[in-house]
Amino acid sequence: FNSILQMDALFGHVTVGLVIHAPLACVLVRLDWYLLWELNPTLYEFQGMALG
């Protein structure tokens, strides 16, 4: 029973961690892309060609 409780606590902790970190990761990724586009226009042009 104790091990089940520990697993449940661990699972809950991981779930909460993911819920908190997922939006944060999305924001950081978007910020990275924004900075890349701002600092490197050629990359933007390259992506435009790649996307068609």
PDB file of N, CA and C in Angstrom:
ATOM      1  N   PHE A   1       0.841  -1.208   0.000  1.00  0.00           N
ATOM      2  CA  PHE A   1       0.000   0.000   0.000  1.00  0.00           C
ATOM      3  C   PHE A   1       0.871   1.252   0.000  1.00  0.00           C
ATOM      4  N   ASN A   2       1.941   1.195   0.787  1.00  0.00           N
ATOM      5  CA  ASN A   2       2.824   2.349   0.883  1.00  0.00           C
ATOM      6  C   ASN A   2       3.476   2.664  -0.465  1.00  0.00           C
ATOM      7  N   SER A   3       3.888   1.618  -1.175  1.00  0.00           N
ATOM      8  CA  SER A   3       4.530   1.835  -2.475  1.00  0.00           C
ATOM      9  C   SER A   3       3.540   2.428  -3.477  1.00  0.00           C
ATOM     10  N   ILE A   4       2.272   1.993  -3.396  1.00  0.00           N
ATOM     11  CA  ILE A   4       1.238   2.553  -4.272  1.00  0.00           C
ATOM     12  C   ILE A   4       1.067   4.043  -3.977  1.00  0.00           C
ATOM     13  N   LEU A   5       1.071   4.376  -2.703  1.00  0.00           N
ATOM     14  CA  LEU A   5       0.929   5.769  -2.293  1.00  0.00           C
ATOM     15  C   LEU A   5       2.101   6.599  -2.822  1.00  0.00           C
ATOM     16  N   GLN A   6       3.302   6.051  -2.723  1.00  0.00           N
ATOM     17  CA  GLN A   6       4.487   6.761  -3.217  1.00  0.00           C
ATOM     18  C   GLN A   6       4.408   6.952  -4.730  1.00  0.00           C
ATOM     19  N   MET A   7       3.978   5.916  -5.432  1.00  0.00           N
ATOM     20  CA  MET A   7       3.834   6.017  -6.881  1.00  0.00           C
ATOM     21  C   MET A   7       2.814   7.095  -7.244  1.00  0.00           C
ATOM     22  N   ASP A   8       1.705   7.113  -6.504  1.00  0.00           N
ATOM     23  CA  ASP A   8       0.660   8.098  -6.748  1.00  0.00           C
ATOM     24  C   ASP A   8       1.194   9.511  -6.522  1.00  0.00           C
ATOM     25  N   ALA A   9       1.949   9.685  -5.447  1.00  0.00           N
ATOM     26  CA  ALA A   9       2.524  10.993  -5.146  1.00  0.00           C
ATOM     27  C   ALA A   9       3.504  11.410  -6.238  1.00  0.00           C
ATOM     28  N   LEU A  10       4.317  10.457  -6.683  1.00  0.00           N
ATOM     29  CA  LEU A  10       5.288  10.741  -7.741  1.00  0.00           C
ATOM     30  C   LEU A  10       4.571  11.123  -9.030  1.00  0.00           C
ATOM     31  N   PHE A  11       3.545  10.347  -9.380  1.00  0.00           N
ATOM     32  CA  PHE A  11       2.775  10.610 -10.594  1.00  0.00           C
ATOM     33  C   PHE A  11       2.133  11.997 -10.533  1.00  0.00           C
ATOM     34  N   GLY A  12       1.552  12.320  -9.367  1.00  0.00           N
ATOM     35  CA  GLY A  12       0.942  13.635  -9.192  1.00  0.00           C
ATOM     36  C   GLY A  12       1.960  14.745  -9.335  1.00  0.00           C
ATOM     37  N   HIS A  13       3.133  14.536  -8.766  1.00  0.00           N
ATOM     38  CA  HIS A  13       4.196  15.537  -8.831  1.00  0.00           C
ATOM     39  C   HIS A  13       4.633  15.751 -10.274  1.00  0.00           C
ATOM     40  N   VAL A  14       4.817  14.650 -11.006  1.00  0.00           N
ATOM     41  CA  VAL A  14       5.223  14.744 -12.412  1.00  0.00           C
ATOM     42  C   VAL A  14       4.152  15.450 -13.235  1.00  0.00           C
ATOM     43  N   THR A  15       2.884  15.100 -12.991  1.00  0.00           N
ATOM     44  CA  THR A  15       1.782  15.720 -13.731  1.00  0.00           C
ATOM     45  C   THR A  15       1.742  17.223 -13.486  1.00  0.00           C
ATOM     46  N   VAL A  16       1.844  17.613 -12.222  1.00  0.00           N
ATOM     47  CA  VAL A  16       1.841  19.040 -11.883  1.00  0.00           C
ATOM     48  C   VAL A  16       3.038  19.724 -12.532  1.00  0.00           C
ATOM     49  N   GLY A  17       4.196  19.064 -12.492  1.00  0.00           N
ATOM     50  CA  GLY A  17       5.396  19.627 -13.111  1.00  0.00           C
ATOM     51  C   GLY A  17       5.202  19.848 -14.601  1.00  0.00           C
ATOM     52  N   LEU A  18       4.598  18.869 -15.277  1.00  0.00           N
ATOM     53  CA  LEU A  18       4.367  18.997 -16.715  1.00  0.00           C
ATOM     54  C   LEU A  18       3.383  20.113 -17.009  1.00  0.00           C
ATOM     55  N   VAL A  19       2.317  20.186 -16.209  1.00  0.00           N
ATOM     56  CA  VAL A  19       1.299  21.221 -16.424  1.00  0.00           C
ATOM     57  C   VAL A  19       1.910  22.609 -16.264  1.00  0.00           C
ATOM     58  N   ILE A  20       2.812  22.746 -15.295  1.00  0.00           N
ATOM     59  CA  ILE A  20       3.452  24.042 -15.067  1.00  0.00           C
ATOM     60  C   ILE A  20       4.483  24.334 -16.158  1.00  0.00           C
ATOM     61  N   HIS A  21       5.253  23.316 -16.550  1.00  0.00           N
ATOM     62  CA  HIS A  21       6.367  23.563 -17.458  1.00  0.00           C
ATOM     63  C   HIS A  21       5.970  23.602 -18.929  1.00  0.00           C
ATOM     64  N   ALA A  22       4.879  22.939 -19.306  1.00  0.00           N
ATOM     65  CA  ALA A  22       4.496  22.917 -20.715  1.00  0.00           C
ATOM     66  C   ALA A  22       4.250  24.326 -21.275  1.00  0.00           C
ATOM     67  N   PRO A  23       3.411  25.156 -20.628  1.00  0.00           N
ATOM     68  CA  PRO A  23       3.209  26.515 -21.155  1.00  0.00           C
ATOM     69  C   PRO A  23       4.490  27.328 -21.126  1.00  0.00           C
ATOM     70  N   LEU A  24       5.297  27.131 -20.089  1.00  0.00           N
ATOM     71  CA  LEU A  24       6.561  27.845 -19.971  1.00  0.00           C
ATOM     72  C   LEU A  24       7.477  27.476 -21.130  1.00  0.00           C
ATOM     73  N   ALA A  25       7.542  26.189 -21.455  1.00  0.00           N
ATOM     74  CA  ALA A  25       8.365  25.721 -22.567  1.00  0.00           C
ATOM     75  C   ALA A  25       7.859  26.313 -23.879  1.00  0.00           C
ATOM     76  N   CYS A  26       6.539  26.358 -24.060  1.00  0.00           N
ATOM     77  CA  CYS A  26       5.962  26.934 -25.277  1.00  0.00           C
ATOM     78  C   CYS A  26       6.360  28.397 -25.418  1.00  0.00           C
ATOM     79  N   VAL A  27       6.266  29.134 -24.328  1.00  0.00           N
ATOM     80  CA  VAL A  27       6.629  30.555 -24.351  1.00  0.00           C
ATOM     81  C   VAL A  27       8.103  30.720 -24.695  1.00  0.00           C
ATOM     82  N   LEU A  28       8.956  29.900 -24.080  1.00  0.00           N
ATOM     83  CA  LEU A  28      10.390  29.998 -24.342  1.00  0.00           C
ATOM     84  C   LEU A  28      10.708  29.664 -25.794  1.00  0.00           C
ATOM     85  N   VAL A  29      10.053  28.635 -26.330  1.00  0.00           N
ATOM     86  CA  VAL A  29      10.293  28.255 -27.725  1.00  0.00           C
ATOM     87  C   VAL A  29       9.858  29.380 -28.656  1.00  0.00           C
ATOM     88  N   ARG A  30       8.692  29.948 -28.390  1.00  0.00           N
ATOM     89  CA  ARG A  30       8.210  31.045 -29.228  1.00  0.00           C
ATOM     90  C   ARG A  30       9.135  32.249 -29.136  1.00  0.00           C
ATOM     91  N   LEU A  31       9.616  32.528 -27.933  1.00  0.00           N
ATOM     92  CA  LEU A  31      10.540  33.640 -27.744  1.00  0.00           C
ATOM     93  C   LEU A  31      11.825  33.387 -28.518  1.00  0.00           C
ATOM     94  N   ASP A  32      12.319  32.143 -28.468  1.00  0.00           N
ATOM     95  CA  ASP A  32      13.520  31.783 -29.216  1.00  0.00           C
ATOM     96  C   ASP A  32      13.313  32.005 -30.706  1.00  0.00           C
ATOM     97  N   TRP A  33      12.179  31.532 -31.230  1.00  0.00           N
ATOM     98  CA  TRP A  33      11.908  31.701 -32.654  1.00  0.00           C
ATOM     99  C   TRP A  33      11.800  33.178 -33.015  1.00  0.00           C
ATOM    100  N   TYR A  34      11.124  33.947 -32.154  1.00  0.00           N
ATOM    101  CA  TYR A  34      10.965  35.378 -32.400  1.00  0.00           C
ATOM    102  C   TYR A  34      12.323  36.065 -32.468  1.00  0.00           C
ATOM    103  N   LEU A  35      13.188  35.726 -31.495  1.00  0.00           N
ATOM    104  CA  LEU A  35      14.519  36.325 -31.468  1.00  0.00           C
ATOM    105  C   LEU A  35      15.325  35.901 -32.687  1.00  0.00           C
ATOM    106  N   LEU A  36      15.203  34.634 -33.080  1.00  0.00           N
ATOM    107  CA  LEU A  36      15.926  34.164 -34.264  1.00  0.00           C
ATOM    108  C   LEU A  36      15.477  34.934 -35.501  1.00  0.00           C
ATOM    109  N   TRP A  37      14.156  35.107 -35.636  1.00  0.00           N
ATOM    110  CA  TRP A  37      13.636  35.826 -36.793  1.00  0.00           C
ATOM    111  C   TRP A  37      14.067  37.292 -36.774  1.00  0.00           C
ATOM    112  N   GLU A  38      14.054  37.899 -35.604  1.00  0.00           N
ATOM    113  CA  GLU A  38      14.447  39.301 -35.484  1.00  0.00           C
ATOM    114  C   GLU A  38      15.928  39.491 -35.807  1.00  0.00           C
ATOM    115  N   LEU A  39      16.747  38.564 -35.316  1.00  0.00           N
ATOM    116  CA  LEU A  39      18.195  38.715 -35.455  1.00  0.00           C
ATOM    117  C   LEU A  39      18.722  38.143 -36.759  1.00  0.00           C
ATOM    118  N   ASN A  40      17.942  37.287 -37.411  1.00  0.00           N
ATOM    119  CA  ASN A  40      18.445  36.603 -38.594  1.00  0.00           C
ATOM    120  C   ASN A  40      17.365  36.535 -39.674  1.00  0.00           C
ATOM    121  N   PRO A  41      17.202  37.607 -40.448  1.00  0.00           N
ATOM    122  CA  PRO A  41      16.153  37.652 -41.480  1.00  0.00           C
ATOM    123  C   PRO A  41      16.326  36.563 -42.535  1.00  0.00           C
ATOM    124  N   THR A  42      17.571  36.144 -42.793  1.00  0.00           N
ATOM    125  CA  THR A  42      17.802  35.120 -43.812  1.00  0.00           C
ATOM    126  C   THR A  42      17.152  33.808 -43.410  1.00  0.00           C
ATOM    127  N   LEU A  43      17.112  33.537 -42.116  1.00  0.00           N
ATOM    128  CA  LEU A  43      16.461  32.319 -41.635  1.00  0.00           C
ATOM    129  C   LEU A  43      14.969  32.387 -41.945  1.00  0.00           C
ATOM    130  N   TYR A  44      14.386  33.556 -41.759  1.00  0.00           N
ATOM    131  CA  TYR A  44      12.965  33.739 -42.055  1.00  0.00           C
ATOM    132  C   TYR A  44      12.701  33.499 -43.543  1.00  0.00           C
ATOM    133  N   GLU A  45      13.559  34.045 -44.397  1.00  0.00           N
ATOM    134  CA  GLU A  45      13.408  33.849 -45.833  1.00  0.00           C
ATOM    135  C   GLU A  45      13.552  32.379 -46.191  1.00  0.00           C
ATOM    136  N   PHE A  46      14.519  31.720 -45.560  1.00  0.00           N
ATOM    137  CA  PHE A  46      14.738  30.297 -45.814  1.00  0.00           C
ATOM    138  C   PHE A  46      13.509  29.487 -45.433  1.00  0.00           C
ATOM    139  N   GLN A  47      12.921  29.803 -44.283  1.00  0.00           N
ATOM    140  CA  GLN A  47      11.726  29.078 -43.847  1.00  0.00           C
ATOM    141  C   GLN A  47      10.575  29.359 -44.812  1.00  0.00           C
ATOM    142  N   GLY A  48      10.487  30.589 -45.290  1.00  0.00           N
ATOM    143  CA  GLY A  48       9.449  30.935 -46.253  1.00  0.00           C
ATOM    144  C   GLY A  48       9.569  30.083 -47.509  1.00  0.00           C
ATOM    145  N   MET A  49      10.804  29.882 -47.988  1.00  0.00           N
ATOM    146  CA  MET A  49      11.027  29.034 -49.151  1.00  0.00           C
ATOM    147  C   MET A  49      10.689  27.586 -48.827  1.00  0.00           C
ATOM    148  N   ALA A  50      11.075  27.146 -47.639  1.00  0.00           N
ATOM    149  CA  ALA A  50      10.847  25.760 -47.231  1.00  0.00           C
ATOM    150  C   ALA A  50       9.349  25.470 -47.127  1.00  0.00           C
ATOM    151  N   LEU A  51       8.593  26.467 -46.643  1.00  0.00           N
ATOM    152  CA  LEU A  51       7.155  26.271 -46.481  1.00  0.00           C
ATOM    153  C   LEU A  51       6.419  26.411 -47.807  1.00  0.00           C
ATOM    154  N   GLY A  52       7.078  26.993 -48.809  1.00  0.00           N
ATOM    155  CA  GLY A  52       6.486  27.000 -50.131  1.00  0.00           C
ATOM    156  C   GLY A  52       5.972  28.341 -50.565  1.00  0.00           C
TER     157      GLY A  52
END
